[in-house]
All heavy atoms as atom14 arrays in JSON, in Angstrom:
{
  "sequence": "VSSASRGTLRPCWDLIYSHYVKEKGLPASSAYYTKIFADQVRKSDGVL",
  "atom14_mask": [
    [1, 1, 1, 1, 1, 1, 1, 0, 0, 0, 0, 0, 0, 0],
    [1, 1, 1, 1, 1, 1, 0, 0, 0, 0, 0, 0, 0, 0],
    [1, 1, 1, 1, 1, 1, 0, 0, 0, 0, 0, 0, 0, 0],
    [1, 1, 1, 1, 1, 0, 0, 0, 0, 0, 0, 0, 0, 0],
    [1, 1, 1, 1, 1, 1, 0, 0, 0, 0, 0, 0, 0, 0],
    [1, 1, 1, 1, 1, 1, 1, 1, 1, 1, 1, 0, 0, 0],
    [1, 1, 1, 1, 0, 0, 0, 0, 0, 0, 0, 0, 0, 0],
    [1, 1, 1, 1, 1, 1, 1, 0, 0, 0, 0, 0, 0, 0],
    [1, 1, 1, 1, 1, 1, 1, 1, 0, 0, 0, 0, 0, 0],
    [1, 1, 1, 1, 1, 1, 1, 1, 1, 1, 1, 0, 0, 0],
    [1, 1, 1, 1, 1, 1, 1, 0, 0, 0, 0, 0, 0, 0],
    [1, 1, 1, 1, 1, 1, 0, 0, 0, 0, 0, 0, 0, 0],
    [1, 1, 1, 1, 1, 1, 1, 1, 1, 1, 1, 1, 1, 1],
    [1, 1, 1, 1, 1, 1, 1, 1, 0, 0, 0, 0, 0, 0],
    [1, 1, 1, 1, 1, 1, 1, 1, 0, 0, 0, 0, 0, 0],
    [1, 1, 1, 1, 1, 1, 1, 1, 0, 0, 0, 0, 0, 0],
    [1, 1, 1, 1, 1, 1, 1, 1, 1, 1, 1, 1, 0, 0],
    [1, 1, 1, 1, 1, 1, 0, 0, 0, 0, 0, 0, 0, 0],
    [1, 1, 1, 1, 1, 1, 1, 1, 1, 1, 0, 0, 0, 0],
    [1, 1, 1, 1, 1, 1, 1, 1, 1, 1, 1, 1, 0, 0],
    [1, 1, 1, 1, 1, 1, 1, 0, 0, 0, 0, 0, 0, 0],
    [1, 1, 1, 1, 1, 1, 1, 1, 1, 0, 0, 0, 0, 0],
    [1, 1, 1, 1, 1, 1, 1, 1, 1, 0, 0, 0, 0, 0],
    [1, 1, 1, 1, 1, 1, 1, 1, 1, 0, 0, 0, 0, 0],
    [1, 1, 1, 1, 0, 0, 0, 0, 0, 0, 0, 0, 0, 0],
    [1, 1, 1, 1, 1, 1, 1, 1, 0, 0, 0, 0, 0, 0],
    [1, 1, 1, 1, 1, 1, 1, 0, 0, 0, 0, 0, 0, 0],
    [1, 1, 1, 1, 1, 0, 0, 0, 0, 0, 0, 0, 0, 0],
    [1, 1, 1, 1, 1, 1, 0, 0, 0, 0, 0, 0, 0, 0],
    [1, 1, 1, 1, 1, 1, 0, 0, 0, 0, 0, 0, 0, 0],
    [1, 1, 1, 1, 1, 0, 0, 0, 0, 0, 0, 0, 0, 0],
    [1, 1, 1, 1, 1, 1, 1, 1, 1, 1, 1, 1, 0, 0],
    [1, 1, 1, 1, 1, 1, 1, 1, 1, 1, 1, 1, 0, 0],
    [1, 1, 1, 1, 1, 1, 1, 0, 0, 0, 0, 0, 0, 0],
    [1, 1, 1, 1, 1, 1, 1, 1, 1, 0, 0, 0, 0, 0],
    [1, 1, 1, 1, 1, 1, 1, 1, 0, 0, 0, 0, 0, 0],
    [1, 1, 1, 1, 1, 1, 1, 1, 1, 1, 1, 0, 0, 0],
    [1, 1, 1, 1, 1, 0, 0, 0, 0, 0, 0, 0, 0, 0],
    [1, 1, 1, 1, 1, 1, 1, 1, 0, 0, 0, 0, 0, 0],
    [1, 1, 1, 1, 1, 1, 1, 1, 1, 0, 0, 0, 0, 0],
    [1, 1, 1, 1, 1, 1, 1, 0, 0, 0, 0, 0, 0, 0],
    [1, 1, 1, 1, 1, 1, 1, 1, 1, 1, 1, 0, 0, 0],
    [1, 1, 1, 1, 1, 1, 1, 1, 1, 0, 0, 0, 0, 0],
    [1, 1, 1, 1, 1, 1, 0, 0, 0, 0, 0, 0, 0, 0],
    [1, 1, 1, 1, 1, 1, 1, 1, 0, 0, 0, 0, 0, 0],
    [1, 1, 1, 1, 0, 0, 0, 0, 0, 0, 0, 0, 0, 0],
    [1, 1, 1, 1, 1, 1, 1, 0, 0, 0, 0, 0, 0, 0],
    [1, 1, 1, 1, 1, 1, 1, 1, 0, 0, 0, 0, 0, 0]
  ],
  "atom14_positions": [
    [[75.95, -23.41, 32.13], [75.41, -23.09, 30.85], [75.04, -24.43, 30.13], [75.77, -25.37, 30.23], [76.4, -22.27, 30.0], [77.63, -23.03, 29.68], [75.75, -21.76, 28.72], [0.0, 0.0, 0.0], [0.0, 0.0, 0.0], [0.0, 0.0, 0.0], [0.0, 0.0, 0.0], [0.0, 0.0, 0.0], [0.0, 0.0, 0.0], [0.0, 0.0, 0.0]],
    [[73.9, -24.45, 29.45], [73.43, -25.64, 28.86], [74.01, -25.82, 27.47], [74.11, -24.88, 26.71], [71.89, -25.61, 28.71], [71.41, -26.7, 28.01], [0.0, 0.0, 0.0], [0.0, 0.0, 0.0], [0.0, 0.0, 0.0], [0.0, 0.0, 0.0], [0.0, 0.0, 0.0], [0.0, 0.0, 0.0], [0.0, 0.0, 0.0], [0.0, 0.0, 0.0]],
    [[74.39, -27.05, 27.15], [74.99, -27.37, 25.86], [73.87, -27.88, 24.88], [74.16, -28.09, 23.7], [76.03, -28.43, 25.92], [75.52, -29.61, 26.5], [0.0, 0.0, 0.0], [0.0, 0.0, 0.0], [0.0, 0.0, 0.0], [0.0, 0.0, 0.0], [0.0, 0.0, 0.0], [0.0, 0.0, 0.0], [0.0, 0.0, 0.0], [0.0, 0.0, 0.0]],
    [[72.65, -28.0, 25.41], [71.55, -28.44, 24.53], [71.28, -27.46, 23.39], [71.27, -26.23, 23.64], [70.23, -28.63, 25.34], [0.0, 0.0, 0.0], [0.0, 0.0, 0.0], [0.0, 0.0, 0.0], [0.0, 0.0, 0.0], [0.0, 0.0, 0.0], [0.0, 0.0, 0.0], [0.0, 0.0, 0.0], [0.0, 0.0, 0.0], [0.0, 0.0, 0.0]],
    [[71.16, -27.93, 22.15], [70.98, -27.11, 20.98], [72.07, -26.07, 20.74], [71.82, -25.05, 20.11], [69.59, -26.39, 21.06], [68.53, -27.26, 21.17], [0.0, 0.0, 0.0], [0.0, 0.0, 0.0], [0.0, 0.0, 0.0], [0.0, 0.0, 0.0], [0.0, 0.0, 0.0], [0.0, 0.0, 0.0], [0.0, 0.0, 0.0], [0.0, 0.0, 0.0]],
    [[73.24, -26.44, 21.21], [74.33, -25.47, 21.07], [74.68, -25.3, 19.58], [74.68, -26.18, 18.8], [75.63, -26.0, 21.78], [76.72, -25.01, 21.87], [77.9, -25.58, 22.64], [78.97, -24.55, 22.8], [80.19, -24.75, 23.33], [80.49, -25.99, 23.75], [81.04, -23.79, 23.42], [0.0, 0.0, 0.0], [0.0, 0.0, 0.0], [0.0, 0.0, 0.0]],
    [[74.99, -24.07, 19.22], [75.32, -23.72, 17.84], [74.1, -23.28, 17.02], [74.23, -23.09, 15.81], [0.0, 0.0, 0.0], [0.0, 0.0, 0.0], [0.0, 0.0, 0.0], [0.0, 0.0, 0.0], [0.0, 0.0, 0.0], [0.0, 0.0, 0.0], [0.0, 0.0, 0.0], [0.0, 0.0, 0.0], [0.0, 0.0, 0.0], [0.0, 0.0, 0.0]],
    [[72.93, -23.07, 17.68], [71.79, -22.6, 17.0], [72.01, -21.29, 16.22], [72.58, -20.37, 16.8], [70.59, -22.43, 17.97], [70.26, -23.71, 18.49], [69.39, -21.86, 17.27], [0.0, 0.0, 0.0], [0.0, 0.0, 0.0], [0.0, 0.0, 0.0], [0.0, 0.0, 0.0], [0.0, 0.0, 0.0], [0.0, 0.0, 0.0], [0.0, 0.0, 0.0]],
    [[71.58, -21.26, 14.99], [71.65, -20.01, 14.18], [70.36, -19.31, 14.23], [69.28, -19.88, 14.21], [71.99, -20.36, 12.79], [73.44, -20.72, 12.39], [73.49, -20.97, 10.86], [74.4, -19.68, 12.78], [0.0, 0.0, 0.0], [0.0, 0.0, 0.0], [0.0, 0.0, 0.0], [0.0, 0.0, 0.0], [0.0, 0.0, 0.0], [0.0, 0.0, 0.0]],
    [[70.41, -17.98, 14.33], [69.23, -17.08, 14.22], [69.67, -15.82, 13.54], [70.79, -15.41, 13.69], [68.64, -16.81, 15.53], [67.97, -18.03, 16.17], [67.13, -17.72, 17.4], [66.65, -18.9, 18.08], [65.46, -19.5, 17.74], [64.75, -19.0, 16.78], [65.08, -20.57, 18.42], [0.0, 0.0, 0.0], [0.0, 0.0, 0.0], [0.0, 0.0, 0.0]],
    [[68.78, -15.24, 12.76], [69.12, -14.02, 11.99], [68.98, -12.73, 12.81], [67.96, -12.06, 12.77], [68.15, -14.06, 10.85], [66.93, -14.72, 11.4], [67.45, -15.73, 12.38], [0.0, 0.0, 0.0], [0.0, 0.0, 0.0], [0.0, 0.0, 0.0], [0.0, 0.0, 0.0], [0.0, 0.0, 0.0], [0.0, 0.0, 0.0], [0.0, 0.0, 0.0]],
    [[69.99, -12.42, 13.56], [69.89, -11.27, 14.41], [71.24, -10.49, 14.58], [71.25, -9.34, 15.02], [69.39, -11.59, 15.85], [70.37, -12.86, 16.64], [0.0, 0.0, 0.0], [0.0, 0.0, 0.0], [0.0, 0.0, 0.0], [0.0, 0.0, 0.0], [0.0, 0.0, 0.0], [0.0, 0.0, 0.0], [0.0, 0.0, 0.0], [0.0, 0.0, 0.0]],
    [[72.29, -11.16, 14.27], [73.62, -10.68, 14.71], [74.02, -9.41, 14.01], [74.67, -8.53, 14.59], [74.64, -11.77, 14.57], [74.25, -12.99, 15.39], [73.71, -14.13, 14.97], [74.34, -13.08, 16.83], [73.44, -14.97, 16.03], [73.77, -14.35, 17.18], [74.79, -12.21, 17.83], [73.73, -14.76, 18.53], [74.7, -12.63, 19.16], [74.2, -13.91, 19.49]],
    [[73.71, -9.27, 12.71], [74.0, -8.01, 12.01], [73.29, -6.81, 12.65], [73.82, -5.68, 12.77], [73.67, -8.09, 10.55], [74.87, -8.26, 9.65], [75.86, -7.53, 9.88], [74.85, -9.12, 8.77], [0.0, 0.0, 0.0], [0.0, 0.0, 0.0], [0.0, 0.0, 0.0], [0.0, 0.0, 0.0], [0.0, 0.0, 0.0], [0.0, 0.0, 0.0]],
    [[72.09, -7.04, 13.08], [71.27, -5.97, 13.72], [71.98, -5.42, 14.92], [72.04, -4.22, 15.16], [69.9, -6.52, 14.02], [68.86, -5.58, 14.63], [68.5, -4.48, 13.69], [67.63, -6.37, 15.03], [0.0, 0.0, 0.0], [0.0, 0.0, 0.0], [0.0, 0.0, 0.0], [0.0, 0.0, 0.0], [0.0, 0.0, 0.0], [0.0, 0.0, 0.0]],
    [[72.47, -6.37, 15.74], [73.14, -5.97, 17.01], [74.5, -5.3, 16.75], [74.74, -4.23, 17.3], [73.37, -7.25, 17.88], [72.01, -7.95, 18.15], [74.08, -6.89, 19.18], [72.18, -9.39, 18.5], [0.0, 0.0, 0.0], [0.0, 0.0, 0.0], [0.0, 0.0, 0.0], [0.0, 0.0, 0.0], [0.0, 0.0, 0.0], [0.0, 0.0, 0.0]],
    [[75.33, -5.87, 15.9], [76.61, -5.3, 15.6], [76.5, -3.92, 14.96], [77.17, -2.95, 15.3], [77.4, -6.23, 14.66], [78.75, -5.68, 14.29], [79.8, -5.72, 15.16], [78.99, -5.08, 13.06], [81.05, -5.2, 14.88], [80.21, -4.57, 12.73], [81.25, -4.6, 13.59], [82.45, -4.06, 13.29], [0.0, 0.0, 0.0], [0.0, 0.0, 0.0]],
    [[75.55, -3.82, 13.99], [75.32, -2.52, 13.31], [74.94, -1.4, 14.31], [75.46, -0.3, 14.15], [74.22, -2.67, 12.24], [74.65, -3.54, 11.23], [0.0, 0.0, 0.0], [0.0, 0.0, 0.0], [0.0, 0.0, 0.0], [0.0, 0.0, 0.0], [0.0, 0.0, 0.0], [0.0, 0.0, 0.0], [0.0, 0.0, 0.0], [0.0, 0.0, 0.0]],
    [[74.13, -1.72, 15.27], [73.76, -0.68, 16.21], [74.93, -0.23, 17.08], [75.29, 0.96, 17.16], [72.63, -1.13, 17.07], [72.35, -0.1, 18.24], [71.84, 1.13, 17.96], [72.68, -0.09, 19.54], [71.82, 1.85, 19.08], [72.26, 1.11, 20.03], [0.0, 0.0, 0.0], [0.0, 0.0, 0.0], [0.0, 0.0, 0.0], [0.0, 0.0, 0.0]],
    [[75.5, -1.2, 17.81], [76.53, -0.82, 18.76], [77.76, -0.29, 18.2], [78.36, 0.66, 18.75], [76.8, -2.05, 19.7], [75.71, -2.33, 20.71], [74.89, -3.47, 20.56], [75.49, -1.45, 21.77], [73.88, -3.76, 21.52], [74.46, -1.75, 22.72], [73.68, -2.88, 22.57], [72.69, -3.11, 23.46], [0.0, 0.0, 0.0], [0.0, 0.0, 0.0]],
    [[78.22, -0.85, 17.11], [79.47, -0.39, 16.55], [79.34, 0.64, 15.47], [80.04, 1.68, 15.48], [80.29, -1.66, 15.99], [81.58, -1.2, 15.33], [80.57, -2.63, 17.11], [0.0, 0.0, 0.0], [0.0, 0.0, 0.0], [0.0, 0.0, 0.0], [0.0, 0.0, 0.0], [0.0, 0.0, 0.0], [0.0, 0.0, 0.0], [0.0, 0.0, 0.0]],
    [[78.44, 0.42, 14.51], [78.27, 1.33, 13.38], [77.51, 2.58, 13.78], [77.79, 3.74, 13.36], [77.58, 0.62, 12.22], [78.38, -0.54, 11.7], [79.77, -0.07, 11.1], [80.45, -1.24, 10.41], [81.73, -0.78, 9.88], [0.0, 0.0, 0.0], [0.0, 0.0, 0.0], [0.0, 0.0, 0.0], [0.0, 0.0, 0.0], [0.0, 0.0, 0.0]],
    [[76.43, 2.43, 14.53], [75.57, 3.58, 14.94], [76.07, 4.22, 16.2], [76.23, 5.48, 16.25], [74.15, 3.15, 15.09], [73.51, 2.73, 13.79], [72.06, 2.32, 13.95], [71.69, 1.83, 15.06], [71.32, 2.4, 12.99], [0.0, 0.0, 0.0], [0.0, 0.0, 0.0], [0.0, 0.0, 0.0], [0.0, 0.0, 0.0], [0.0, 0.0, 0.0]],
    [[76.28, 3.5, 17.3], [76.6, 3.98, 18.58], [78.15, 4.34, 18.68], [78.5, 5.16, 19.46], [76.21, 3.06, 19.68], [76.14, 3.64, 21.05], [75.39, 2.79, 22.03], [75.2, 3.51, 23.36], [74.36, 2.68, 24.28], [0.0, 0.0, 0.0], [0.0, 0.0, 0.0], [0.0, 0.0, 0.0], [0.0, 0.0, 0.0], [0.0, 0.0, 0.0]],
    [[78.91, 3.73, 17.82], [80.35, 4.06, 17.77], [81.2, 3.38, 18.86], [82.27, 3.86, 19.19], [0.0, 0.0, 0.0], [0.0, 0.0, 0.0], [0.0, 0.0, 0.0], [0.0, 0.0, 0.0], [0.0, 0.0, 0.0], [0.0, 0.0, 0.0], [0.0, 0.0, 0.0], [0.0, 0.0, 0.0], [0.0, 0.0, 0.0], [0.0, 0.0, 0.0]],
    [[80.68, 2.28, 19.47], [81.5, 1.62, 20.44], [82.68, 0.88, 19.74], [82.6, 0.59, 18.55], [80.68, 0.53, 21.17], [79.48, 1.09, 22.03], [78.79, -0.12, 22.75], [79.96, 2.1, 23.05], [0.0, 0.0, 0.0], [0.0, 0.0, 0.0], [0.0, 0.0, 0.0], [0.0, 0.0, 0.0], [0.0, 0.0, 0.0], [0.0, 0.0, 0.0]],
    [[83.74, 0.65, 20.48], [84.85, -0.09, 19.84], [84.39, -1.45, 19.3], [83.5, -2.11, 19.92], [85.84, -0.29, 21.0], [85.47, 0.82, 22.03], [84.01, 1.0, 21.86], [0.0, 0.0, 0.0], [0.0, 0.0, 0.0], [0.0, 0.0, 0.0], [0.0, 0.0, 0.0], [0.0, 0.0, 0.0], [0.0, 0.0, 0.0], [0.0, 0.0, 0.0]],
    [[85.01, -1.87, 18.19], [84.6, -3.19, 17.67], [84.82, -4.29, 18.63], [84.08, -5.3, 18.59], [85.39, -3.42, 16.37], [0.0, 0.0, 0.0], [0.0, 0.0, 0.0], [0.0, 0.0, 0.0], [0.0, 0.0, 0.0], [0.0, 0.0, 0.0], [0.0, 0.0, 0.0], [0.0, 0.0, 0.0], [0.0, 0.0, 0.0], [0.0, 0.0, 0.0]],
    [[85.77, -4.18, 19.5], [86.01, -5.22, 20.52], [84.85, -5.42, 21.48], [84.7, -6.5, 22.05], [87.25, -4.86, 21.29], [87.13, -3.69, 22.04], [0.0, 0.0, 0.0], [0.0, 0.0, 0.0], [0.0, 0.0, 0.0], [0.0, 0.0, 0.0], [0.0, 0.0, 0.0], [0.0, 0.0, 0.0], [0.0, 0.0, 0.0], [0.0, 0.0, 0.0]],
    [[84.02, -4.39, 21.61], [82.89, -4.52, 22.57], [81.81, -5.49, 22.01], [80.99, -5.99, 22.77], [82.22, -3.14, 22.77], [81.68, -2.66, 21.59], [0.0, 0.0, 0.0], [0.0, 0.0, 0.0], [0.0, 0.0, 0.0], [0.0, 0.0, 0.0], [0.0, 0.0, 0.0], [0.0, 0.0, 0.0], [0.0, 0.0, 0.0], [0.0, 0.0, 0.0]],
    [[81.9, -5.76, 20.68], [80.95, -6.68, 20.06], [81.75, -7.76, 19.31], [81.4, -8.16, 18.22], [79.99, -5.97, 19.16], [0.0, 0.0, 0.0], [0.0, 0.0, 0.0], [0.0, 0.0, 0.0], [0.0, 0.0, 0.0], [0.0, 0.0, 0.0], [0.0, 0.0, 0.0], [0.0, 0.0, 0.0], [0.0, 0.0, 0.0], [0.0, 0.0, 0.0]],
    [[82.85, -8.19, 19.92], [83.8, -9.06, 19.28], [83.13, -10.34, 18.8], [83.27, -10.74, 17.61], [84.95, -9.41, 20.22], [85.94, -10.41, 19.69], [86.97, -9.98, 18.89], [85.84, -11.75, 19.99], [87.91, -10.9, 18.36], [86.76, -12.67, 19.49], [87.78, -12.25, 18.67], [88.69, -13.16, 18.2], [0.0, 0.0, 0.0], [0.0, 0.0, 0.0]],
    [[82.39, -11.06, 19.66], [81.84, -12.33, 19.24], [80.56, -12.13, 18.44], [80.37, -12.93, 17.48], [81.44, -13.13, 20.53], [82.59, -13.4, 21.41], [82.79, -12.76, 22.68], [83.63, -14.29, 21.03], [83.87, -12.99, 23.45], [84.7, -14.55, 21.83], [84.84, -13.91, 23.06], [85.91, -14.18, 23.88], [0.0, 0.0, 0.0], [0.0, 0.0, 0.0]],
    [[79.9, -11.07, 18.61], [78.71, -10.7, 17.73], [79.15, -10.5, 16.31], [78.48, -10.98, 15.4], [78.02, -9.45, 18.31], [77.44, -9.75, 19.56], [76.89, -9.02, 17.37], [0.0, 0.0, 0.0], [0.0, 0.0, 0.0], [0.0, 0.0, 0.0], [0.0, 0.0, 0.0], [0.0, 0.0, 0.0], [0.0, 0.0, 0.0], [0.0, 0.0, 0.0]],
    [[80.3, -9.86, 16.14], [80.76, -9.58, 14.76], [81.09, -10.9, 14.05], [80.82, -11.06, 12.85], [81.97, -8.64, 14.78], [82.49, -8.32, 13.36], [83.7, -7.44, 13.39], [84.03, -6.94, 11.99], [84.3, -8.08, 11.06], [0.0, 0.0, 0.0], [0.0, 0.0, 0.0], [0.0, 0.0, 0.0], [0.0, 0.0, 0.0], [0.0, 0.0, 0.0]],
    [[81.74, -11.83, 14.74], [82.08, -13.08, 14.11], [80.88, -13.8, 13.68], [80.77, -14.34, 12.56], [82.92, -13.92, 15.04], [84.26, -13.22, 15.39], [83.25, -15.32, 14.38], [85.1, -14.0, 16.43], [0.0, 0.0, 0.0], [0.0, 0.0, 0.0], [0.0, 0.0, 0.0], [0.0, 0.0, 0.0], [0.0, 0.0, 0.0], [0.0, 0.0, 0.0]],
    [[79.87, -13.8, 14.58], [78.62, -14.46, 14.23], [77.93, -13.82, 13.0], [77.45, -14.43, 12.11], [77.6, -14.46, 15.41], [77.05, -15.8, 15.74], [76.92, -16.25, 17.04], [76.6, -16.63, 14.7], [76.4, -17.5, 17.32], [76.09, -17.91, 14.95], [75.94, -18.3, 16.32], [0.0, 0.0, 0.0], [0.0, 0.0, 0.0], [0.0, 0.0, 0.0]],
    [[77.93, -12.48, 13.0], [77.34, -11.74, 11.94], [78.04, -12.04, 10.62], [77.37, -12.26, 9.58], [77.35, -10.22, 12.19], [0.0, 0.0, 0.0], [0.0, 0.0, 0.0], [0.0, 0.0, 0.0], [0.0, 0.0, 0.0], [0.0, 0.0, 0.0], [0.0, 0.0, 0.0], [0.0, 0.0, 0.0], [0.0, 0.0, 0.0], [0.0, 0.0, 0.0]],
    [[79.37, -12.13, 10.6], [80.11, -12.44, 9.47], [79.73, -13.82, 8.9], [79.63, -14.04, 7.71], [81.57, -12.41, 9.73], [82.15, -11.04, 9.94], [81.52, -10.04, 9.52], [83.22, -10.91, 10.55], [0.0, 0.0, 0.0], [0.0, 0.0, 0.0], [0.0, 0.0, 0.0], [0.0, 0.0, 0.0], [0.0, 0.0, 0.0], [0.0, 0.0, 0.0]],
    [[79.57, -14.76, 9.77], [79.25, -16.13, 9.41], [77.86, -16.27, 8.87], [77.65, -16.97, 7.87], [79.46, -17.11, 10.56], [80.89, -17.25, 11.03], [81.07, -18.25, 12.15], [80.15, -18.79, 12.71], [82.35, -18.47, 12.5], [0.0, 0.0, 0.0], [0.0, 0.0, 0.0], [0.0, 0.0, 0.0], [0.0, 0.0, 0.0], [0.0, 0.0, 0.0]],
    [[76.9, -15.55, 9.47], [75.52, -15.75, 9.02], [75.3, -15.06, 7.66], [74.36, -15.42, 6.94], [74.55, -15.17, 10.12], [73.11, -15.21, 9.65], [74.67, -15.95, 11.37], [0.0, 0.0, 0.0], [0.0, 0.0, 0.0], [0.0, 0.0, 0.0], [0.0, 0.0, 0.0], [0.0, 0.0, 0.0], [0.0, 0.0, 0.0], [0.0, 0.0, 0.0]],
    [[76.12, -14.11, 7.31], [75.97, -13.46, 6.03], [76.19, -14.49, 4.91], [75.83, -14.17, 3.72], [76.96, -12.32, 5.88], [76.62, -11.12, 6.75], [77.58, -9.95, 6.5], [77.5, -8.99, 7.59], [78.64, -8.62, 8.22], [79.75, -9.17, 7.98], [78.55, -7.79, 9.2], [0.0, 0.0, 0.0], [0.0, 0.0, 0.0], [0.0, 0.0, 0.0]],
    [[76.87, -15.57, 5.14], [77.26, -16.48, 4.07], [76.61, -17.87, 4.32], [76.46, -18.29, 5.46], [78.77, -16.6, 3.98], [79.46, -15.41, 3.55], [80.96, -15.58, 3.39], [81.65, -14.36, 2.92], [83.13, -14.58, 2.75], [0.0, 0.0, 0.0], [0.0, 0.0, 0.0], [0.0, 0.0, 0.0], [0.0, 0.0, 0.0], [0.0, 0.0, 0.0]],
    [[76.21, -18.51, 3.26], [75.7, -19.87, 3.3], [76.48, -20.69, 2.26], [76.5, -20.4, 1.07], [74.17, -19.88, 2.89], [73.7, -21.22, 2.9], [0.0, 0.0, 0.0], [0.0, 0.0, 0.0], [0.0, 0.0, 0.0], [0.0, 0.0, 0.0], [0.0, 0.0, 0.0], [0.0, 0.0, 0.0], [0.0, 0.0, 0.0], [0.0, 0.0, 0.0]],
    [[77.14, -21.7, 2.81], [78.03, -22.56, 1.95], [79.03, -21.68, 1.18], [79.27, -21.89, 0.01], [77.22, -23.4, 1.01], [76.36, -24.44, 1.75], [76.8, -24.9, 2.79], [75.25, -24.71, 1.23], [0.0, 0.0, 0.0], [0.0, 0.0, 0.0], [0.0, 0.0, 0.0], [0.0, 0.0, 0.0], [0.0, 0.0, 0.0], [0.0, 0.0, 0.0]],
    [[79.51, -20.7, 1.85], [80.55, -19.81, 1.2], [80.03, -18.7, 0.33], [80.77, -17.95, -0.22], [0.0, 0.0, 0.0], [0.0, 0.0, 0.0], [0.0, 0.0, 0.0], [0.0, 0.0, 0.0], [0.0, 0.0, 0.0], [0.0, 0.0, 0.0], [0.0, 0.0, 0.0], [0.0, 0.0, 0.0], [0.0, 0.0, 0.0], [0.0, 0.0, 0.0]],
    [[78.7, -18.69, 0.09], [78.11, -17.7, -0.81], [77.49, -16.58, 0.0], [76.74, -16.8, 0.95], [77.03, -18.36, -1.71], [76.4, -17.31, -2.59], [77.66, -19.49, -2.52], [0.0, 0.0, 0.0], [0.0, 0.0, 0.0], [0.0, 0.0, 0.0], [0.0, 0.0, 0.0], [0.0, 0.0, 0.0], [0.0, 0.0, 0.0], [0.0, 0.0, 0.0]],
    [[77.77, -15.3, -0.37], [77.23, -14.19, 0.31], [75.73, -14.04, 0.01], [75.33, -13.76, -1.09], [77.96, -12.91, -0.09], [77.53, -11.62, 0.65], [77.88, -11.7, 2.13], [78.24, -10.42, 0.03], [0.0, 0.0, 0.0], [0.0, 0.0, 0.0], [0.0, 0.0, 0.0], [0.0, 0.0, 0.0], [0.0, 0.0, 0.0], [0.0, 0.0, 0.0]]
  ]
}
């Protein structure tokens, strides 16, 4: 796996988590890392 540009942010993670967990009803663990990313992207410098 390449470490180049590691940590890149993009606005997509809520879309993914919402579908699989909220709409499809999969266990939250199935999108464990996606959820953490979604939580982080919702905030900028601690502000929602």
